Amino acid sequence: SQLAKEFGMPATIREAGVEEGRFIAIVKDMAYEAFADQTTTTNPRLPLVEELEILYKQAYYGYDEWQKQKESVVAAPEQASDQMDIAIHSLVDKQIESQFAVNGNSTTN
């Protein structure tokens, strides 16, 4: 935030000097501990552990940086899914062709 910058305060956990590897190693445990904390149950809606982990990641990276990382991670599975679909269709096609060959038929006329 602007006020934090004016006073020279870090705006994120990363800016406070916490190493990324160390943070990633403990963020899931922190989310579980936050979920188990008695004050969490006083919220109007009980958050999921995954939501608490996201909040921690937003606090570590800053919202804008976290959003960029999230978008790049979301794109990767979609590409992998497309590649998997192609591989599956290729295997099915080969299976069908080999089945026809065993039966003495041909798929190419």
N, C-alpha and C. Protein backbone atom coordinates (compact mmCIF):
# COMPACT_ATOMS: atom_id res chain seq x y z
N SER A 1 0.84 -1.19 0.00
CA SER A 1 0.00 0.00 0.00
C SER A 1 0.88 1.25 0.00
N GLN A 2 0.28 2.34 -0.35
CA GLN A 2 1.01 3.60 -0.42
C GLN A 2 1.54 4.02 0.95
N LEU A 3 0.73 3.85 1.99
CA LEU A 3 1.15 4.22 3.33
C LEU A 3 2.35 3.38 3.79
N ALA A 4 2.31 2.08 3.50
CA ALA A 4 3.43 1.21 3.85
C ALA A 4 4.70 1.67 3.15
N LYS A 5 4.58 2.05 1.89
CA LYS A 5 5.75 2.53 1.13
C LYS A 5 6.29 3.82 1.73
N GLU A 6 5.40 4.72 2.13
CA GLU A 6 5.84 5.98 2.72
C GLU A 6 6.65 5.76 3.98
N PHE A 7 6.32 4.74 4.74
CA PHE A 7 7.03 4.45 5.98
C PHE A 7 8.12 3.40 5.80
N GLY A 8 8.34 2.98 4.56
CA GLY A 8 9.39 2.01 4.28
C GLY A 8 9.07 0.61 4.77
N MET A 9 7.80 0.30 4.88
CA MET A 9 7.38 -1.02 5.34
C MET A 9 7.17 -1.95 4.14
N PRO A 10 7.47 -3.23 4.30
CA PRO A 10 7.24 -4.17 3.19
C PRO A 10 5.74 -4.33 2.94
N ALA A 11 5.39 -4.44 1.66
CA ALA A 11 3.98 -4.61 1.29
C ALA A 11 3.58 -6.07 1.20
N THR A 12 4.57 -6.96 1.12
CA THR A 12 4.28 -8.39 1.01
C THR A 12 5.19 -9.16 1.96
N ILE A 13 4.86 -10.42 2.18
CA ILE A 13 5.71 -11.27 3.01
C ILE A 13 7.07 -11.45 2.33
N ARG A 14 7.07 -11.55 1.01
CA ARG A 14 8.34 -11.71 0.28
C ARG A 14 9.22 -10.48 0.49
N GLU A 15 8.62 -9.29 0.42
CA GLU A 15 9.38 -8.06 0.63
C GLU A 15 9.91 -7.98 2.06
N ALA A 16 9.29 -8.71 2.99
CA ALA A 16 9.76 -8.73 4.38
C ALA A 16 10.99 -9.63 4.53
N GLY A 17 11.37 -10.34 3.46
CA GLY A 17 12.59 -11.12 3.48
C GLY A 17 12.42 -12.62 3.64
N VAL A 18 11.21 -13.11 3.60
CA VAL A 18 10.99 -14.56 3.70
C VAL A 18 11.32 -15.20 2.36
N GLU A 19 12.20 -16.18 2.38
CA GLU A 19 12.60 -16.87 1.15
C GLU A 19 11.43 -17.67 0.59
N GLU A 20 11.29 -17.66 -0.73
CA GLU A 20 10.16 -18.32 -1.39
C GLU A 20 10.11 -19.81 -1.08
N GLY A 21 11.24 -20.49 -1.17
CA GLY A 21 11.26 -21.93 -0.92
C GLY A 21 10.79 -22.27 0.49
N ARG A 22 11.23 -21.47 1.43
CA ARG A 22 10.81 -21.69 2.83
C ARG A 22 9.30 -21.46 2.97
N PHE A 23 8.81 -20.39 2.34
CA PHE A 23 7.38 -20.08 2.40
C PHE A 23 6.56 -21.21 1.78
N ILE A 24 6.93 -21.66 0.59
CA ILE A 24 6.19 -22.72 -0.11
C ILE A 24 6.19 -24.00 0.72
N ALA A 25 7.30 -24.26 1.40
CA ALA A 25 7.40 -25.48 2.20
C ALA A 25 6.43 -25.50 3.38
N ILE A 26 6.03 -24.33 3.86
CA ILE A 26 5.18 -24.30 5.06
C ILE A 26 3.79 -23.72 4.83
N VAL A 27 3.51 -23.21 3.64
CA VAL A 27 2.24 -22.51 3.44
C VAL A 27 1.02 -23.42 3.66
N LYS A 28 1.08 -24.66 3.24
CA LYS A 28 -0.05 -25.57 3.44
C LYS A 28 -0.28 -25.82 4.93
N ASP A 29 0.80 -26.01 5.69
CA ASP A 29 0.68 -26.18 7.13
C ASP A 29 0.09 -24.94 7.79
N MET A 30 0.53 -23.77 7.32
CA MET A 30 -0.02 -22.52 7.87
C MET A 30 -1.51 -22.43 7.61
N ALA A 31 -1.94 -22.84 6.43
CA ALA A 31 -3.36 -22.80 6.09
C ALA A 31 -4.16 -23.74 6.99
N TYR A 32 -3.63 -24.94 7.24
CA TYR A 32 -4.31 -25.88 8.13
C TYR A 32 -4.38 -25.32 9.57
N GLU A 33 -3.29 -24.70 10.01
CA GLU A 33 -3.29 -24.11 11.35
C GLU A 33 -4.29 -22.97 11.45
N ALA A 34 -4.37 -22.15 10.41
CA ALA A 34 -5.35 -21.06 10.40
C ALA A 34 -6.77 -21.61 10.42
N PHE A 35 -6.99 -22.69 9.69
CA PHE A 35 -8.32 -23.31 9.66
C PHE A 35 -8.69 -23.85 11.04
N ALA A 36 -7.72 -24.41 11.74
CA ALA A 36 -7.96 -25.00 13.06
C ALA A 36 -8.08 -23.96 14.16
N ASP A 37 -7.64 -22.73 13.89
CA ASP A 37 -7.69 -21.67 14.90
C ASP A 37 -9.14 -21.39 15.30
N GLN A 38 -9.38 -21.22 16.59
CA GLN A 38 -10.75 -21.03 17.07
C GLN A 38 -11.41 -19.77 16.53
N THR A 39 -10.62 -18.76 16.16
CA THR A 39 -11.23 -17.53 15.65
C THR A 39 -11.76 -17.70 14.23
N THR A 40 -11.27 -18.69 13.51
CA THR A 40 -11.76 -18.92 12.14
C THR A 40 -13.24 -19.27 12.15
N THR A 41 -13.68 -19.98 13.17
CA THR A 41 -15.08 -20.40 13.23
C THR A 41 -16.03 -19.24 13.52
N THR A 42 -15.50 -18.09 13.90
CA THR A 42 -16.36 -16.93 14.16
C THR A 42 -16.63 -16.11 12.90
N ASN A 43 -16.03 -16.49 11.80
CA ASN A 43 -16.29 -15.80 10.53
C ASN A 43 -17.70 -16.11 10.06
N PRO A 44 -18.31 -15.20 9.31
CA PRO A 44 -19.66 -15.47 8.79
C PRO A 44 -19.73 -16.72 7.91
N ARG A 45 -18.62 -17.03 7.23
CA ARG A 45 -18.54 -18.22 6.39
C ARG A 45 -17.22 -18.90 6.70
N LEU A 46 -17.28 -20.20 6.96
CA LEU A 46 -16.07 -20.96 7.25
C LEU A 46 -15.28 -21.14 5.95
N PRO A 47 -14.04 -20.64 5.89
CA PRO A 47 -13.28 -20.78 4.65
C PRO A 47 -12.76 -22.20 4.48
N LEU A 48 -12.49 -22.56 3.24
CA LEU A 48 -11.83 -23.82 2.94
C LEU A 48 -10.34 -23.66 3.20
N VAL A 49 -9.66 -24.74 3.49
CA VAL A 49 -8.21 -24.68 3.71
C VAL A 49 -7.53 -24.13 2.45
N GLU A 50 -8.02 -24.53 1.28
CA GLU A 50 -7.44 -24.05 0.02
C GLU A 50 -7.58 -22.54 -0.12
N GLU A 51 -8.69 -21.99 0.36
CA GLU A 51 -8.89 -20.54 0.30
C GLU A 51 -7.91 -19.82 1.23
N LEU A 52 -7.66 -20.40 2.39
CA LEU A 52 -6.69 -19.81 3.31
C LEU A 52 -5.29 -19.85 2.71
N GLU A 53 -4.97 -20.93 2.03
CA GLU A 53 -3.67 -21.03 1.37
C GLU A 53 -3.54 -19.96 0.29
N ILE A 54 -4.60 -19.72 -0.44
CA ILE A 54 -4.59 -18.67 -1.46
C ILE A 54 -4.36 -17.30 -0.82
N LEU A 55 -5.02 -17.05 0.30
CA LEU A 55 -4.82 -15.77 1.00
C LEU A 55 -3.36 -15.59 1.41
N TYR A 56 -2.76 -16.66 1.93
CA TYR A 56 -1.35 -16.59 2.29
C TYR A 56 -0.48 -16.30 1.07
N LYS A 57 -0.78 -16.95 -0.04
CA LYS A 57 0.01 -16.73 -1.25
C LYS A 57 -0.16 -15.31 -1.77
N GLN A 58 -1.36 -14.77 -1.67
CA GLN A 58 -1.58 -13.38 -2.06
C GLN A 58 -0.80 -12.44 -1.15
N ALA A 59 -0.72 -12.77 0.14
CA ALA A 59 0.04 -11.95 1.08
C ALA A 59 1.54 -12.07 0.81
N TYR A 60 1.97 -13.23 0.34
CA TYR A 60 3.39 -13.41 0.06
C TYR A 60 3.81 -12.69 -1.21
N TYR A 61 3.10 -12.93 -2.29
CA TYR A 61 3.49 -12.39 -3.59
C TYR A 61 2.94 -11.00 -3.86
N GLY A 62 1.85 -10.65 -3.22
CA GLY A 62 1.09 -9.47 -3.60
C GLY A 62 0.03 -9.93 -4.57
N TYR A 63 -1.13 -9.30 -4.53
CA TYR A 63 -2.25 -9.80 -5.33
C TYR A 63 -1.94 -9.83 -6.83
N ASP A 64 -1.36 -8.76 -7.36
CA ASP A 64 -1.12 -8.69 -8.81
C ASP A 64 -0.16 -9.79 -9.28
N GLU A 65 0.93 -9.98 -8.53
CA GLU A 65 1.91 -11.02 -8.90
C GLU A 65 1.29 -12.41 -8.77
N TRP A 66 0.52 -12.62 -7.71
CA TRP A 66 -0.14 -13.92 -7.52
C TRP A 66 -1.11 -14.19 -8.67
N GLN A 67 -1.84 -13.17 -9.12
CA GLN A 67 -2.79 -13.33 -10.22
C GLN A 67 -2.07 -13.75 -11.49
N LYS A 68 -0.90 -13.16 -11.76
CA LYS A 68 -0.11 -13.53 -12.94
C LYS A 68 0.34 -14.99 -12.85
N GLN A 69 0.81 -15.40 -11.67
CA GLN A 69 1.25 -16.78 -11.49
C GLN A 69 0.10 -17.74 -11.66
N LYS A 70 -1.05 -17.39 -11.12
CA LYS A 70 -2.23 -18.25 -11.22
C LYS A 70 -2.62 -18.44 -12.68
N GLU A 71 -2.60 -17.36 -13.45
CA GLU A 71 -2.97 -17.44 -14.87
C GLU A 71 -2.01 -18.32 -15.64
N SER A 72 -0.72 -18.27 -15.33
CA SER A 72 0.25 -19.11 -16.05
C SER A 72 0.09 -20.57 -15.67
N VAL A 73 -0.28 -20.84 -14.42
CA VAL A 73 -0.49 -22.22 -13.98
C VAL A 73 -1.76 -22.78 -14.59
N VAL A 74 -2.79 -21.96 -14.74
CA VAL A 74 -4.05 -22.41 -15.33
C VAL A 74 -3.85 -22.76 -16.80
N ALA A 75 -3.02 -22.02 -17.51
CA ALA A 75 -2.80 -22.28 -18.93
C ALA A 75 -2.08 -23.61 -19.14
N ALA A 76 -1.16 -23.95 -18.26
CA ALA A 76 -0.38 -25.18 -18.42
C ALA A 76 -1.24 -26.44 -18.42
N PRO A 77 -2.17 -26.63 -17.46
CA PRO A 77 -3.00 -27.84 -17.50
C PRO A 77 -3.89 -27.92 -18.73
N GLU A 78 -4.37 -26.77 -19.22
CA GLU A 78 -5.20 -26.80 -20.42
C GLU A 78 -4.40 -27.31 -21.61
N GLN A 79 -3.15 -26.87 -21.73
CA GLN A 79 -2.29 -27.34 -22.81
C GLN A 79 -2.00 -28.82 -22.64
N ALA A 80 -1.74 -29.23 -21.41
CA ALA A 80 -1.46 -30.64 -21.14
C ALA A 80 -2.69 -31.49 -21.44
N SER A 81 -3.87 -30.97 -21.12
CA SER A 81 -5.11 -31.68 -21.40
C SER A 81 -5.30 -31.87 -22.90
N ASP A 82 -5.02 -30.83 -23.68
CA ASP A 82 -5.13 -30.95 -25.13
C ASP A 82 -4.17 -32.00 -25.67
N GLN A 83 -2.95 -32.01 -25.16
CA GLN A 83 -1.96 -32.99 -25.60
C GLN A 83 -2.39 -34.40 -25.20
N MET A 84 -3.00 -34.53 -24.02
CA MET A 84 -3.48 -35.83 -23.56
C MET A 84 -4.62 -36.32 -24.45
N ASP A 85 -5.53 -35.42 -24.82
CA ASP A 85 -6.63 -35.79 -25.72
C ASP A 85 -6.09 -36.30 -27.05
N ILE A 86 -5.11 -35.62 -27.60
CA ILE A 86 -4.51 -36.04 -28.87
C ILE A 86 -3.88 -37.42 -28.73
N ALA A 87 -3.15 -37.63 -27.64
CA ALA A 87 -2.50 -38.93 -27.42
C ALA A 87 -3.53 -40.04 -27.26
N ILE A 88 -4.61 -39.77 -26.53
CA ILE A 88 -5.66 -40.78 -26.34
C ILE A 88 -6.32 -41.13 -27.66
N HIS A 89 -6.65 -40.11 -28.45
CA HIS A 89 -7.28 -40.37 -29.75
C HIS A 89 -6.35 -41.17 -30.66
N SER A 90 -5.08 -40.86 -30.60
CA SER A 90 -4.11 -41.59 -31.41
C SER A 90 -4.05 -43.06 -31.00
N LEU A 91 -4.03 -43.31 -29.69
CA LEU A 91 -4.01 -44.69 -29.20
C LEU A 91 -5.29 -45.44 -29.58
N VAL A 92 -6.43 -44.76 -29.48
CA VAL A 92 -7.70 -45.40 -29.84
C VAL A 92 -7.70 -45.73 -31.32
N ASP A 93 -7.24 -44.79 -32.14
CA ASP A 93 -7.17 -45.04 -33.58
C ASP A 93 -6.29 -46.25 -33.89
N LYS A 94 -5.14 -46.34 -33.24
CA LYS A 94 -4.23 -47.47 -33.46
C LYS A 94 -4.88 -48.77 -33.00
N GLN A 95 -5.60 -48.72 -31.89
CA GLN A 95 -6.27 -49.92 -31.37
C GLN A 95 -7.34 -50.39 -32.36
N ILE A 96 -8.10 -49.45 -32.90
CA ILE A 96 -9.14 -49.79 -33.87
C ILE A 96 -8.51 -50.39 -35.12
N GLU A 97 -7.43 -49.76 -35.60
CA GLU A 97 -6.75 -50.27 -36.79
C GLU A 97 -6.20 -51.68 -36.56
N SER A 98 -5.61 -51.92 -35.40
CA SER A 98 -5.07 -53.25 -35.14
C SER A 98 -6.19 -54.28 -34.99
N GLN A 99 -7.32 -53.89 -34.46
CA GLN A 99 -8.47 -54.80 -34.33
C GLN A 99 -8.99 -55.19 -35.71
N PHE A 100 -9.06 -54.21 -36.61
CA PHE A 100 -9.50 -54.50 -37.97
C PHE A 100 -8.50 -55.40 -38.67
N ALA A 101 -7.21 -55.19 -38.44
CA ALA A 101 -6.18 -56.01 -39.07
C ALA A 101 -6.27 -57.45 -38.60
N VAL A 102 -6.55 -57.64 -37.31
CA VAL A 102 -6.69 -59.00 -36.76
C VAL A 102 -7.88 -59.70 -37.42
N ASN A 103 -8.95 -58.98 -37.68
CA ASN A 103 -10.14 -59.54 -38.28
C ASN A 103 -10.08 -59.63 -39.80
N GLY A 104 -8.95 -59.18 -40.37
CA GLY A 104 -8.79 -59.27 -41.82
C GLY A 104 -9.44 -58.12 -42.56
N ASN A 105 -9.83 -57.10 -41.87
CA ASN A 105 -10.43 -55.92 -42.51
C ASN A 105 -9.40 -54.81 -42.56
N SER A 106 -9.70 -53.83 -43.34
CA SER A 106 -8.81 -52.66 -43.45
C SER A 106 -9.62 -51.41 -43.21
N THR A 107 -9.01 -50.44 -42.51
CA THR A 107 -9.69 -49.16 -42.29
C THR A 107 -9.42 -48.20 -43.43
N THR A 108 -8.46 -48.56 -44.30
CA THR A 108 -8.15 -47.71 -45.45
C THR A 108 -8.60 -48.42 -46.71
N ASN A 109 -9.49 -47.80 -47.43
CA ASN A 109 -9.99 -48.40 -48.69
C ASN A 109 -9.68 -47.50 -49.84
